[in-house]
């Protein structure tokens, strides 16, 4: 654990140096990459460690975005609104988890996928509170310049990513991580051995929600305007899963590696294949997942085994 913690500290310290000499374009990409990292690391709790294919990431992201936006609409400070978004997301995930996590496999996946659509319809119908389909404008933060504002939201997303990484690292080396891996291997056997599978799964589901909800609130403050199709987009759920699979499900650094790789592919495809970007990006991802089923980090383990003496 100490080695992973040291590597994480060095990694995030390097990320903290990005705004010192970066242009606006690269700073925006770095902020998006950190947000993707939060989504991927959060999904790793329930999907990578416990093996439950959750598609609820978009629901938590949209819930956090609208919670933060509505809170600021009623005059709450931006930081308080972000904390409130995380609190509501974790409470909602706890209540939802007790019901949905009794399902398994594709039944759970389909049920979790529907949650974002239900929340989107609720937001659309609550016109007086959320603006409905017209969207919701957020107050602009009082800052000296656009560059200062961009750096502020970059560091806010960096702090949230570091907090998510610390929680994932602590969970991975704790009794919770051990129990979740037992559930992934054989849930029935884990239950027979005394693991409280329901409690562990709900805890993982709550951890997969709280940081995503805060990321949604930070994103809403960053872009100053949100609407239901944007923040409840199912692609947030799909991207989180793909990023974890690319980097290595259940690993410590796999979600971060997957976030960097996915954003690089996304930007490359957008630049070179503007008209066919969705199909080309999907094909590249399918090829990577097929030929690297355990993620990119599995290559280092494979090379290490080959170098060992017979």
C-alpha atoms as a PDB file:
ATOM      1  CA  UNK A   1       0.000   0.000   0.000  1.00  0.00           C
ATOM      2  CA  UNK A   2       2.828   2.407   0.837  1.00  0.00           C
ATOM      3  CA  UNK A   3       4.352   2.019  -2.632  1.00  0.00           C
ATOM      4  CA  UNK A   4       1.016   2.730  -4.346  1.00  0.00           C
ATOM      5  CA  UNK A   5       0.424   5.705  -2.051  1.00  0.00           C
ATOM      6  CA  UNK A   6       3.837   7.191  -2.879  1.00  0.00           C
ATOM      7  CA  UNK A   7       3.283   6.703  -6.609  1.00  0.00           C
ATOM      8  CA  UNK A   8      -0.137   8.340  -6.294  1.00  0.00           C
ATOM      9  CA  UNK A   9       1.290  11.345  -4.420  1.00  0.00           C
ATOM     10  CA  UNK A  10       3.987  11.844  -7.053  1.00  0.00           C
ATOM     11  CA  UNK A  11       1.471  11.443  -9.869  1.00  0.00           C
ATOM     12  CA  UNK A  12      -0.964  14.026  -8.508  1.00  0.00           C
ATOM     13  CA  UNK A  13       1.907  16.369  -7.661  1.00  0.00           C
ATOM     14  CA  UNK A  14       2.884  16.269 -11.339  1.00  0.00           C
ATOM     15  CA  UNK A  15      -0.716  16.964 -12.304  1.00  0.00           C
ATOM     16  CA  UNK A  16      -0.638  20.014 -10.038  1.00  0.00           C
ATOM     17  CA  UNK A  17       2.131  21.502 -12.198  1.00  0.00           C
ATOM     18  CA  UNK A  18       0.082  21.383 -15.413  1.00  0.00           C
ATOM     19  CA  UNK A  19      -1.517  24.865 -15.174  1.00  0.00           C
ATOM     20  CA  UNK A  20       1.843  26.580 -14.641  1.00  0.00           C
ATOM     21  CA  UNK A  21       2.753  26.533 -18.320  1.00  0.00           C
ATOM     22  CA  UNK A  22      -0.239  25.042 -20.072  1.00  0.00           C
ATOM     23  CA  UNK A  23      -2.385  26.692 -22.732  1.00  0.00           C
ATOM     24  CA  UNK A  24      -6.151  27.012 -22.378  1.00  0.00           C
ATOM     25  CA  UNK A  25      -6.811  24.078 -24.728  1.00  0.00           C
ATOM     26  CA  UNK A  26      -4.555  21.665 -22.849  1.00  0.00           C
ATOM     27  CA  UNK A  27      -5.851  22.865 -19.492  1.00  0.00           C
ATOM     28  CA  UNK A  28      -9.410  22.109 -20.623  1.00  0.00           C
ATOM     29  CA  UNK A  29      -8.353  18.636 -21.756  1.00  0.00           C
ATOM     30  CA  UNK A  30      -6.559  18.016 -18.466  1.00  0.00           C
ATOM     31  CA  UNK A  31      -9.686  19.036 -16.535  1.00  0.00           C
ATOM     32  CA  UNK A  32     -11.821  16.656 -18.602  1.00  0.00           C
ATOM     33  CA  UNK A  33      -9.267  13.898 -18.104  1.00  0.00           C
ATOM     34  CA  UNK A  34      -9.414  14.344 -14.317  1.00  0.00           C
ATOM     35  CA  UNK A  35     -13.213  14.251 -14.453  1.00  0.00           C
ATOM     36  CA  UNK A  36     -13.029  11.041 -16.485  1.00  0.00           C
ATOM     37  CA  UNK A  37     -10.608   9.696 -13.892  1.00  0.00           C
ATOM     38  CA  UNK A  38     -13.133  10.377 -11.115  1.00  0.00           C
ATOM     39  CA  UNK A  39     -15.863   8.570 -13.087  1.00  0.00           C
ATOM     40  CA  UNK A  40     -13.603   5.592 -13.791  1.00  0.00           C
ATOM     41  CA  UNK A  41     -12.212   5.263 -10.262  1.00  0.00           C
ATOM     42  CA  UNK A  42     -15.718   5.536  -8.828  1.00  0.00           C
ATOM     43  CA  UNK A  43     -17.040   2.785 -11.101  1.00  0.00           C
ATOM     44  CA  UNK A  44     -14.088   0.640 -10.079  1.00  0.00           C
ATOM     45  CA  UNK A  45     -15.608   0.253  -6.595  1.00  0.00           C
ATOM     46  CA  UNK A  46     -18.734  -1.536  -7.776  1.00  0.00           C
ATOM     47  CA  UNK A  47     -17.666  -2.836 -11.184  1.00  0.00           C
ATOM     48  CA  UNK A  48     -13.959  -3.537 -10.857  1.00  0.00           C
ATOM     49  CA  UNK A  49     -13.849  -4.809  -7.272  1.00  0.00           C
ATOM     50  CA  UNK A  50     -17.322  -6.317  -6.796  1.00  0.00           C
ATOM     51  CA  UNK A  51     -17.909  -7.306 -10.427  1.00  0.00           C
ATOM     52  CA  UNK A  52     -21.375  -5.705 -10.684  1.00  0.00           C
ATOM     53  CA  UNK A  53     -21.951  -4.064 -14.128  1.00  0.00           C
ATOM     54  CA  UNK A  54     -23.425  -0.759 -12.967  1.00  0.00           C
ATOM     55  CA  UNK A  55     -24.743   1.749 -15.512  1.00  0.00           C
ATOM     56  CA  UNK A  56     -25.816   4.241 -12.843  1.00  0.00           C
ATOM     57  CA  UNK A  57     -22.836   6.588 -13.283  1.00  0.00           C
ATOM     58  CA  UNK A  58     -24.840   8.930 -15.521  1.00  0.00           C
ATOM     59  CA  UNK A  59     -27.632   9.045 -12.933  1.00  0.00           C
ATOM     60  CA  UNK A  60     -25.250  10.050 -10.128  1.00  0.00           C
ATOM     61  CA  UNK A  61     -23.479  12.580 -12.352  1.00  0.00           C
ATOM     62  CA  UNK A  62     -26.712  14.255 -13.418  1.00  0.00           C
ATOM     63  CA  UNK A  63     -28.120  14.184  -9.886  1.00  0.00           C
ATOM     64  CA  UNK A  64     -24.981  15.872  -8.570  1.00  0.00           C
ATOM     65  CA  UNK A  65     -24.967  18.448 -11.360  1.00  0.00           C
ATOM     66  CA  UNK A  66     -28.579  19.507 -10.736  1.00  0.00           C
ATOM     67  CA  UNK A  67     -28.199  19.394  -6.952  1.00  0.00           C
ATOM     68  CA  UNK A  68     -25.233  21.739  -7.126  1.00  0.00           C
ATOM     69  CA  UNK A  69     -26.935  23.997  -9.659  1.00  0.00           C
ATOM     70  CA  UNK A  70     -30.219  24.281  -7.761  1.00  0.00           C
ATOM     71  CA  UNK A  71     -28.365  24.851  -4.477  1.00  0.00           C
ATOM     72  CA  UNK A  72     -26.438  27.750  -6.024  1.00  0.00           C
ATOM     73  CA  UNK A  73     -29.681  29.045  -7.529  1.00  0.00           C
ATOM     74  CA  UNK A  74     -31.017  29.421  -3.972  1.00  0.00           C
ATOM     75  CA  UNK A  75     -27.894  31.265  -2.847  1.00  0.00           C
ATOM     76  CA  UNK A  76     -25.676  28.563  -1.346  1.00  0.00           C
ATOM     77  CA  UNK A  77     -21.920  28.933  -1.732  1.00  0.00           C
ATOM     78  CA  UNK A  78     -20.401  26.950  -4.576  1.00  0.00           C
ATOM     79  CA  UNK A  79     -18.282  24.737  -2.294  1.00  0.00           C
ATOM     80  CA  UNK A  80     -21.244  23.984  -0.028  1.00  0.00           C
ATOM     81  CA  UNK A  81     -23.308  23.109  -3.113  1.00  0.00           C
ATOM     82  CA  UNK A  82     -20.637  20.606  -4.214  1.00  0.00           C
ATOM     83  CA  UNK A  83     -20.637  18.928  -0.795  1.00  0.00           C
ATOM     84  CA  UNK A  84     -24.430  18.829  -0.809  1.00  0.00           C
ATOM     85  CA  UNK A  85     -24.348  17.142  -4.223  1.00  0.00           C
ATOM     86  CA  UNK A  86     -22.053  14.422  -2.904  1.00  0.00           C
ATOM     87  CA  UNK A  87     -24.212  13.949   0.183  1.00  0.00           C
ATOM     88  CA  UNK A  88     -27.411  13.573  -1.825  1.00  0.00           C
ATOM     89  CA  UNK A  89     -25.714  11.196  -4.274  1.00  0.00           C
ATOM     90  CA  UNK A  90     -24.446   8.882  -1.529  1.00  0.00           C
ATOM     91  CA  UNK A  91     -27.823   8.836   0.256  1.00  0.00           C
ATOM     92  CA  UNK A  92     -29.643   8.164  -3.010  1.00  0.00           C
ATOM     93  CA  UNK A  93     -27.179   5.372  -3.879  1.00  0.00           C
ATOM     94  CA  UNK A  94     -27.629   3.812  -0.443  1.00  0.00           C
ATOM     95  CA  UNK A  95     -31.409   3.678  -0.797  1.00  0.00           C
ATOM     96  CA  UNK A  96     -31.214   2.555  -4.410  1.00  0.00           C
ATOM     97  CA  UNK A  97     -28.580  -0.067  -3.640  1.00  0.00           C
ATOM     98  CA  UNK A  98     -30.710  -1.891  -1.087  1.00  0.00           C
ATOM     99  CA  UNK A  99     -33.279  -2.477  -3.842  1.00  0.00           C
ATOM    100  CA  UNK A 100     -31.196  -2.959  -6.993  1.00  0.00           C
ATOM    101  CA  UNK A 101     -28.298  -4.968  -5.596  1.00  0.00           C
ATOM    102  CA  UNK A 102     -30.564  -7.903  -4.935  1.00  0.00           C
ATOM    103  CA  UNK A 103     -30.406  -8.392  -8.711  1.00  0.00           C
ATOM    104  CA  UNK A 104     -27.402  -9.880 -10.483  1.00  0.00           C
ATOM    105  CA  UNK A 105     -25.812  -9.879 -13.923  1.00  0.00           C
ATOM    106  CA  UNK A 106     -27.698  -8.310 -16.804  1.00  0.00           C
ATOM    107  CA  UNK A 107     -30.802  -7.816 -14.622  1.00  0.00           C
ATOM    108  CA  UNK A 108     -28.836  -5.431 -12.403  1.00  0.00           C
ATOM    109  CA  UNK A 109     -27.246  -3.756 -15.437  1.00  0.00           C
ATOM    110  CA  UNK A 110     -30.619  -3.026 -17.055  1.00  0.00           C
ATOM    111  CA  UNK A 111     -32.153  -1.815 -13.789  1.00  0.00           C
ATOM    112  CA  UNK A 112     -29.251   0.563 -13.139  1.00  0.00           C
ATOM    113  CA  UNK A 113     -29.434   1.853 -16.716  1.00  0.00           C
ATOM    114  CA  UNK A 114     -33.067   2.900 -16.261  1.00  0.00           C
ATOM    115  CA  UNK A 115     -32.288   5.100 -13.233  1.00  0.00           C
ATOM    116  CA  UNK A 116     -30.741   7.904 -15.315  1.00  0.00           C
ATOM    117  CA  UNK A 117     -33.777   7.993 -17.616  1.00  0.00           C
ATOM    118  CA  UNK A 118     -36.156   8.201 -14.650  1.00  0.00           C
ATOM    119  CA  UNK A 119     -34.198  11.072 -13.099  1.00  0.00           C
ATOM    120  CA  UNK A 120     -34.035  12.877 -16.430  1.00  0.00           C
ATOM    121  CA  UNK A 121     -37.827  12.728 -16.774  1.00  0.00           C
ATOM    122  CA  UNK A 122     -38.235  14.009 -13.212  1.00  0.00           C
ATOM    123  CA  UNK A 123     -35.908  16.928 -13.929  1.00  0.00           C
ATOM    124  CA  UNK A 124     -37.758  17.683 -17.171  1.00  0.00           C
ATOM    125  CA  UNK A 125     -41.079  17.805 -15.349  1.00  0.00           C
ATOM    126  CA  UNK A 126     -39.862  19.988 -12.427  1.00  0.00           C
ATOM    127  CA  UNK A 127     -39.771  23.122 -14.564  1.00  0.00           C
ATOM    128  CA  UNK A 128     -40.028  25.674 -11.744  1.00  0.00           C
ATOM    129  CA  UNK A 129     -37.092  24.175  -9.858  1.00  0.00           C
ATOM    130  CA  UNK A 130     -34.755  22.868 -12.552  1.00  0.00           C
ATOM    131  CA  UNK A 131     -35.804  24.790 -15.649  1.00  0.00           C
ATOM    132  CA  UNK A 132     -36.988  21.581 -17.307  1.00  0.00           C
ATOM    133  CA  UNK A 133     -35.938  21.110 -20.908  1.00  0.00           C
ATOM    134  CA  UNK A 134     -34.814  24.751 -21.133  1.00  0.00           C
ATOM    135  CA  UNK A 135     -31.864  23.997 -18.869  1.00  0.00           C
ATOM    136  CA  UNK A 136     -30.483  25.929 -15.933  1.00  0.00           C
ATOM    137  CA  UNK A 137     -27.961  28.760 -15.804  1.00  0.00           C
ATOM    138  CA  UNK A 138     -25.463  28.930 -12.963  1.00  0.00           C
ATOM    139  CA  UNK A 139     -23.984  32.128 -11.492  1.00  0.00           C
ATOM    140  CA  UNK A 140     -20.526  33.019 -12.743  1.00  0.00           C
ATOM    141  CA  UNK A 141     -17.827  32.829 -10.047  1.00  0.00           C
ATOM    142  CA  UNK A 142     -16.273  36.158  -9.134  1.00  0.00           C
ATOM    143  CA  UNK A 143     -12.724  35.758 -10.456  1.00  0.00           C
ATOM    144  CA  UNK A 144     -10.210  38.111 -11.983  1.00  0.00           C
ATOM    145  CA  UNK A 145      -9.971  36.497 -15.419  1.00  0.00           C
ATOM    146  CA  UNK A 146     -11.005  33.561 -17.577  1.00  0.00           C
ATOM    147  CA  UNK A 147      -7.568  31.973 -17.081  1.00  0.00           C
ATOM    148  CA  UNK A 148      -7.917  32.185 -13.289  1.00  0.00           C
ATOM    149  CA  UNK A 149     -11.329  30.582 -13.534  1.00  0.00           C
ATOM    150  CA  UNK A 150      -9.957  27.740 -15.702  1.00  0.00           C
ATOM    151  CA  UNK A 151      -7.133  27.079 -13.227  1.00  0.00           C
ATOM    152  CA  UNK A 152      -9.563  27.133 -10.304  1.00  0.00           C
ATOM    153  CA  UNK A 153     -11.803  24.436 -11.775  1.00  0.00           C
ATOM    154  CA  UNK A 154      -8.776  22.401 -12.822  1.00  0.00           C
ATOM    155  CA  UNK A 155      -7.482  22.343  -9.253  1.00  0.00           C
ATOM    156  CA  UNK A 156     -10.999  21.630  -7.948  1.00  0.00           C
ATOM    157  CA  UNK A 157     -11.255  18.587 -10.218  1.00  0.00           C
ATOM    158  CA  UNK A 158      -7.684  17.593  -9.303  1.00  0.00           C
ATOM    159  CA  UNK A 159      -8.522  17.691  -5.585  1.00  0.00           C
ATOM    160  CA  UNK A 160     -11.628  15.594  -6.191  1.00  0.00           C
ATOM    161  CA  UNK A 161      -9.637  13.067  -8.245  1.00  0.00           C
ATOM    162  CA  UNK A 162      -7.002  12.822  -5.513  1.00  0.00           C
ATOM    163  CA  UNK A 163      -9.723  12.289  -2.902  1.00  0.00           C
ATOM    164  CA  UNK A 164     -11.311   9.568  -5.037  1.00  0.00           C
ATOM    165  CA  UNK A 165      -7.935   7.872  -5.496  1.00  0.00           C
ATOM    166  CA  UNK A 166      -7.262   7.969  -1.743  1.00  0.00           C
ATOM    167  CA  UNK A 167     -10.652   6.381  -1.041  1.00  0.00           C
ATOM    168  CA  UNK A 168     -10.068   3.696  -3.663  1.00  0.00           C
ATOM    169  CA  UNK A 169      -6.595   2.954  -2.289  1.00  0.00           C
ATOM    170  CA  UNK A 170      -7.897   2.702   1.285  1.00  0.00           C
ATOM    171  CA  UNK A 171     -10.815   0.499   0.248  1.00  0.00           C
ATOM    172  CA  UNK A 172      -8.632  -1.782  -1.857  1.00  0.00           C
ATOM    173  CA  UNK A 173      -6.327  -2.642   1.070  1.00  0.00           C
ATOM    174  CA  UNK A 174      -9.090  -2.857   3.670  1.00  0.00           C
ATOM    175  CA  UNK A 175     -11.613  -5.487   4.721  1.00  0.00           C
ATOM    176  CA  UNK A 176     -14.064  -3.877   2.312  1.00  0.00           C
ATOM    177  CA  UNK A 177     -11.801  -4.513  -0.670  1.00  0.00           C
ATOM    178  CA  UNK A 178     -11.191  -8.099   0.402  1.00  0.00           C
ATOM    179  CA  UNK A 179     -14.915  -8.687   0.789  1.00  0.00           C
ATOM    180  CA  UNK A 180     -15.713  -7.144  -2.593  1.00  0.00           C
ATOM    181  CA  UNK A 181     -13.160  -9.355  -4.332  1.00  0.00           C
ATOM    182  CA  UNK A 182     -14.680 -12.393  -2.610  1.00  0.00           C
ATOM    183  CA  UNK A 183     -18.067 -11.315  -3.934  1.00  0.00           C
ATOM    184  CA  UNK A 184     -16.626 -10.972  -7.419  1.00  0.00           C
ATOM    185  CA  UNK A 185     -15.132 -14.455  -7.325  1.00  0.00           C
ATOM    186  CA  UNK A 186     -18.121 -16.269  -5.833  1.00  0.00           C
ATOM    187  CA  UNK A 187     -20.843 -14.339  -4.037  1.00  0.00           C
ATOM    188  CA  UNK A 188     -22.606 -17.423  -2.696  1.00  0.00           C
ATOM    189  CA  UNK A 189     -19.375 -18.792  -1.216  1.00  0.00           C
ATOM    190  CA  UNK A 190     -18.538 -15.402   0.282  1.00  0.00           C
ATOM    191  CA  UNK A 191     -21.951 -15.305   1.938  1.00  0.00           C
ATOM    192  CA  UNK A 192     -21.408 -18.771   3.382  1.00  0.00           C
ATOM    193  CA  UNK A 193     -18.024 -17.706   4.775  1.00  0.00           C
ATOM    194  CA  UNK A 194     -19.625 -14.904   6.768  1.00  0.00           C
ATOM    195  CA  UNK A 195     -19.147 -11.927   4.432  1.00  0.00           C
ATOM    196  CA  UNK A 196     -22.101  -9.549   4.704  1.00  0.00           C
ATOM    197  CA  UNK A 197     -22.487  -9.359   0.940  1.00  0.00           C
ATOM    198  CA  UNK A 198     -25.448  -6.979   0.962  1.00  0.00           C
ATOM    199  CA  UNK A 199     -23.703  -4.460   3.217  1.00  0.00           C
ATOM    200  CA  UNK A 200     -20.461  -4.632   1.230  1.00  0.00           C
ATOM    201  CA  UNK A 201     -22.223  -4.195  -2.111  1.00  0.00           C
ATOM    202  CA  UNK A 202     -24.255  -1.237  -0.880  1.00  0.00           C
ATOM    203  CA  UNK A 203     -21.095   0.369   0.532  1.00  0.00           C
ATOM    204  CA  UNK A 204     -19.342  -0.052  -2.835  1.00  0.00           C
ATOM    205  CA  UNK A 205     -22.375   1.361  -4.641  1.00  0.00           C
ATOM    206  CA  UNK A 206     -22.401   4.386  -2.339  1.00  0.00           C
ATOM    207  CA  UNK A 207     -18.691   4.966  -2.932  1.00  0.00           C
ATOM    208  CA  UNK A 208     -19.313   4.745  -6.671  1.00  0.00           C
ATOM    209  CA  UNK A 209     -21.856   7.568  -6.333  1.00  0.00           C
ATOM    210  CA  UNK A 210     -20.490  10.173  -3.922  1.00  0.00           C
ATOM    211  CA  UNK A 211     -17.485  11.324  -5.957  1.00  0.00           C
ATOM    212  CA  UNK A 212     -19.389  11.185  -9.253  1.00  0.00           C
ATOM    213  CA  UNK A 213     -22.098  13.388  -7.728  1.00  0.00           C
ATOM    214  CA  UNK A 214     -19.486  15.938  -6.666  1.00  0.00           C
ATOM    215  CA  UNK A 215     -17.862  15.753 -10.113  1.00  0.00           C
ATOM    216  CA  UNK A 216     -21.241  16.539 -11.668  1.00  0.00           C
ATOM    217  CA  UNK A 217     -21.608  19.589  -9.407  1.00  0.00           C
ATOM    218  CA  UNK A 218     -18.092  20.824 -10.254  1.00  0.00           C
ATOM    219  CA  UNK A 219     -18.789  20.275 -13.951  1.00  0.00           C
ATOM    220  CA  UNK A 220     -22.034  22.291 -13.722  1.00  0.00           C
ATOM    221  CA  UNK A 221     -20.211  25.216 -12.092  1.00  0.00           C
ATOM    222  CA  UNK A 222     -17.452  24.955 -14.687  1.00  0.00           C
ATOM    223  CA  UNK A 223     -19.683  25.139 -17.780  1.00  0.00           C
ATOM    224  CA  UNK A 224     -22.222  27.558 -16.180  1.00  0.00           C
ATOM    225  CA  UNK A 225     -25.174  25.938 -17.959  1.00  0.00           C
ATOM    226  CA  UNK A 226     -26.670  22.440 -17.831  1.00  0.00           C
ATOM    227  CA  UNK A 227     -29.609  20.649 -19.392  1.00  0.00           C
ATOM    228  CA  UNK A 228     -30.969  17.113 -18.839  1.00  0.00           C
ATOM    229  CA  UNK A 229     -29.675  15.488 -22.079  1.00  0.00           C
ATOM    230  CA  UNK A 230     -26.162  16.729 -21.277  1.00  0.00           C
ATOM    231  CA  UNK A 231     -25.681  15.644 -17.662  1.00  0.00           C
ATOM    232  CA  UNK A 232     -27.860  12.498 -17.772  1.00  0.00           C
ATOM    233  CA  UNK A 233     -26.158  11.239 -20.930  1.00  0.00           C
ATOM    234  CA  UNK A 234     -25.782   7.439 -20.818  1.00  0.00           C
ATOM    235  CA  UNK A 235     -22.348   7.848 -22.409  1.00  0.00           C
ATOM    236  CA  UNK A 236     -20.998   8.845 -18.998  1.00  0.00           C
ATOM    237  CA  UNK A 237     -21.864   5.349 -17.786  1.00  0.00           C
ATOM    238  CA  UNK A 238     -20.425   3.688 -20.889  1.00  0.00           C
ATOM    239  CA  UNK A 239     -17.223   5.738 -20.821  1.00  0.00           C
ATOM    240  CA  UNK A 240     -16.572   4.903 -17.164  1.00  0.00           C
ATOM    241  CA  UNK A 241     -16.865   1.187 -17.880  1.00  0.00           C
ATOM    242  CA  UNK A 242     -14.689   1.352 -20.990  1.00  0.00           C
ATOM    243  CA  UNK A 243     -11.974   3.353 -19.221  1.00  0.00           C
ATOM    244  CA  UNK A 244     -11.736   0.822 -16.393  1.00  0.00           C
ATOM    245  CA  UNK A 245     -11.628  -2.074 -18.845  1.00  0.00           C
ATOM    246  CA  UNK A 246      -8.900  -0.354 -20.860  1.00  0.00           C
ATOM    247  CA  UNK A 247      -6.715   0.285 -17.829  1.00  0.00           C
ATOM    248  CA  UNK A 248      -7.474  -2.830 -15.827  1.00  0.00           C
ATOM    249  CA  UNK A 249     -10.583  -3.578 -13.780  1.00  0.00           C
ATOM    250  CA  UNK A 250     -10.049  -3.843 -10.040  1.00  0.00           C
ATOM    251  CA  UNK A 251      -6.527  -2.398 -10.133  1.00  0.00           C
ATOM    252  CA  UNK A 252      -5.342   0.746  -8.376  1.00  0.00           C
ATOM    253  CA  UNK A 253      -3.963   2.730 -11.294  1.00  0.00           C
ATOM    254  CA  UNK A 254      -5.965   1.062 -14.058  1.00  0.00           C
ATOM    255  CA  UNK A 255      -8.833   3.612 -14.048  1.00  0.00           C
ATOM    256  CA  UNK A 256      -6.417   6.549 -14.318  1.00  0.00           C
ATOM    257  CA  UNK A 257      -4.473   4.886 -17.141  1.00  0.00           C
ATOM    258  CA  UNK A 258      -7.750   4.095 -18.876  1.00  0.00           C
ATOM    259  CA  UNK A 259      -8.931   7.711 -18.531  1.00  0.00           C
ATOM    260  CA  UNK A 260      -5.748   9.046 -20.149  1.00  0.00           C
ATOM    261  CA  UNK A 261      -5.883   6.458 -22.929  1.00  0.00           C
ATOM    262  CA  UNK A 262      -9.599   6.963 -23.604  1.00  0.00           C
ATOM    263  CA  UNK A 263      -9.351  10.762 -23.768  1.00  0.00           C
ATOM    264  CA  UNK A 264      -6.333  10.498 -26.078  1.00  0.00           C
ATOM    265  CA  UNK A 265      -8.229   8.181 -28.407  1.00  0.00           C
ATOM    266  CA  UNK A 266     -11.299  10.405 -28.237  1.00  0.00           C
ATOM    267  CA  UNK A 267      -9.372  13.532 -29.171  1.00  0.00           C
ATOM    268  CA  UNK A 268      -7.406  11.753 -31.916  1.00  0.00           C
ATOM    269  CA  UNK A 269     -10.557  10.350 -33.489  1.00  0.00           C
ATOM    270  CA  UNK A 270     -12.392  13.674 -33.262  1.00  0.00           C
ATOM    271  CA  UNK A 271      -9.497  15.419 -34.999  1.00  0.00           C
ATOM    272  CA  UNK A 272      -8.854  12.895 -37.764  1.00  0.00           C
ATOM    273  CA  UNK A 273     -12.277  11.302 -38.313  1.00  0.00           C
ATOM    274  CA  UNK A 274     -14.793  14.042 -37.581  1.00  0.00           C
ATOM    275  CA  UNK A 275     -17.652  12.516 -39.583  1.00  0.00           C
ATOM    276  CA  UNK A 276     -17.037   8.906 -38.511  1.00  0.00           C
ATOM    277  CA  UNK A 277     -15.727   9.575 -35.014  1.00  0.00           C
ATOM    278  CA  UNK A 278     -18.273   7.440 -33.156  1.00  0.00           C
ATOM    279  CA  UNK A 279     -17.754   4.346 -35.305  1.00  0.00           C
ATOM    280  CA  UNK A 280     -13.952   4.638 -35.415  1.00  0.00           C
ATOM    281  CA  UNK A 281     -13.682   5.243 -31.672  1.00  0.00           C
ATOM    282  CA  UNK A 282     -15.972   2.296 -30.965  1.00  0.00           C
ATOM    283  CA  UNK A 283     -13.907   0.030 -33.232  1.00  0.00           C
ATOM    284  CA  UNK A 284     -10.639   1.042 -31.547  1.00  0.00           C
ATOM    285  CA  UNK A 285     -12.108   0.414 -28.102  1.00  0.00           C
ATOM    286  CA  UNK A 286     -13.478  -2.998 -29.116  1.00  0.00           C
ATOM    287  CA  UNK A 287     -10.076  -4.025 -30.491  1.00  0.00           C
ATOM    288  CA  UNK A 288      -8.297  -2.910 -27.330  1.00  0.00           C
ATOM    289  CA  UNK A 289     -10.752  -4.709 -25.068  1.00  0.00           C
ATOM    290  CA  UNK A 290     -10.573  -7.892 -27.162  1.00  0.00           C
ATOM    291  CA  UNK A 291      -6.778  -8.055 -27.281  1.00  0.00           C
ATOM    292  CA  UNK A 292      -6.233  -6.634 -23.777  1.00  0.00           C
ATOM    293  CA  UNK A 293      -9.078  -8.170 -21.742  1.00  0.00           C
ATOM    294  CA  UNK A 294      -7.314  -7.410 -18.455  1.00  0.00           C
ATOM    295  CA  UNK A 295      -6.407  -3.866 -19.394  1.00  0.00           C
ATOM    296  CA  UNK A 296      -3.283  -2.055 -20.418  1.00  0.00           C
ATOM    297  CA  UNK A 297      -1.554  -2.636 -17.076  1.00  0.00           C
ATOM    298  CA  UNK A 298      -1.645  -6.390 -17.727  1.00  0.00           C
ATOM    299  CA  UNK A 299       1.151  -5.861 -20.287  1.00  0.00           C
ATOM    300  CA  UNK A 300       3.622  -4.949 -17.534  1.00  0.00           C
ATOM    301  CA  UNK A 301       2.699  -8.082 -15.590  1.00  0.00           C
ATOM    302  CA  UNK A 302       3.066 -10.172 -18.738  1.00  0.00           C
ATOM    303  CA  UNK A 303       6.545  -8.759 -19.434  1.00  0.00           C
ATOM    304  CA  UNK A 304       7.556  -9.309 -15.793  1.00  0.00           C
ATOM    305  CA  UNK A 305       6.585 -13.005 -16.023  1.00  0.00           C
ATOM    306  CA  UNK A 306       8.543 -13.407 -19.251  1.00  0.00           C
ATOM    307  CA  UNK A 307      11.699 -11.954 -17.668  1.00  0.00           C
ATOM    308  CA  UNK A 308      11.649 -14.317 -14.722  1.00  0.00           C
ATOM    309  CA  UNK A 309      14.221 -17.110 -14.962  1.00  0.00           C
ATOM    310  CA  UNK A 310      12.864 -20.580 -15.611  1.00  0.00           C
END
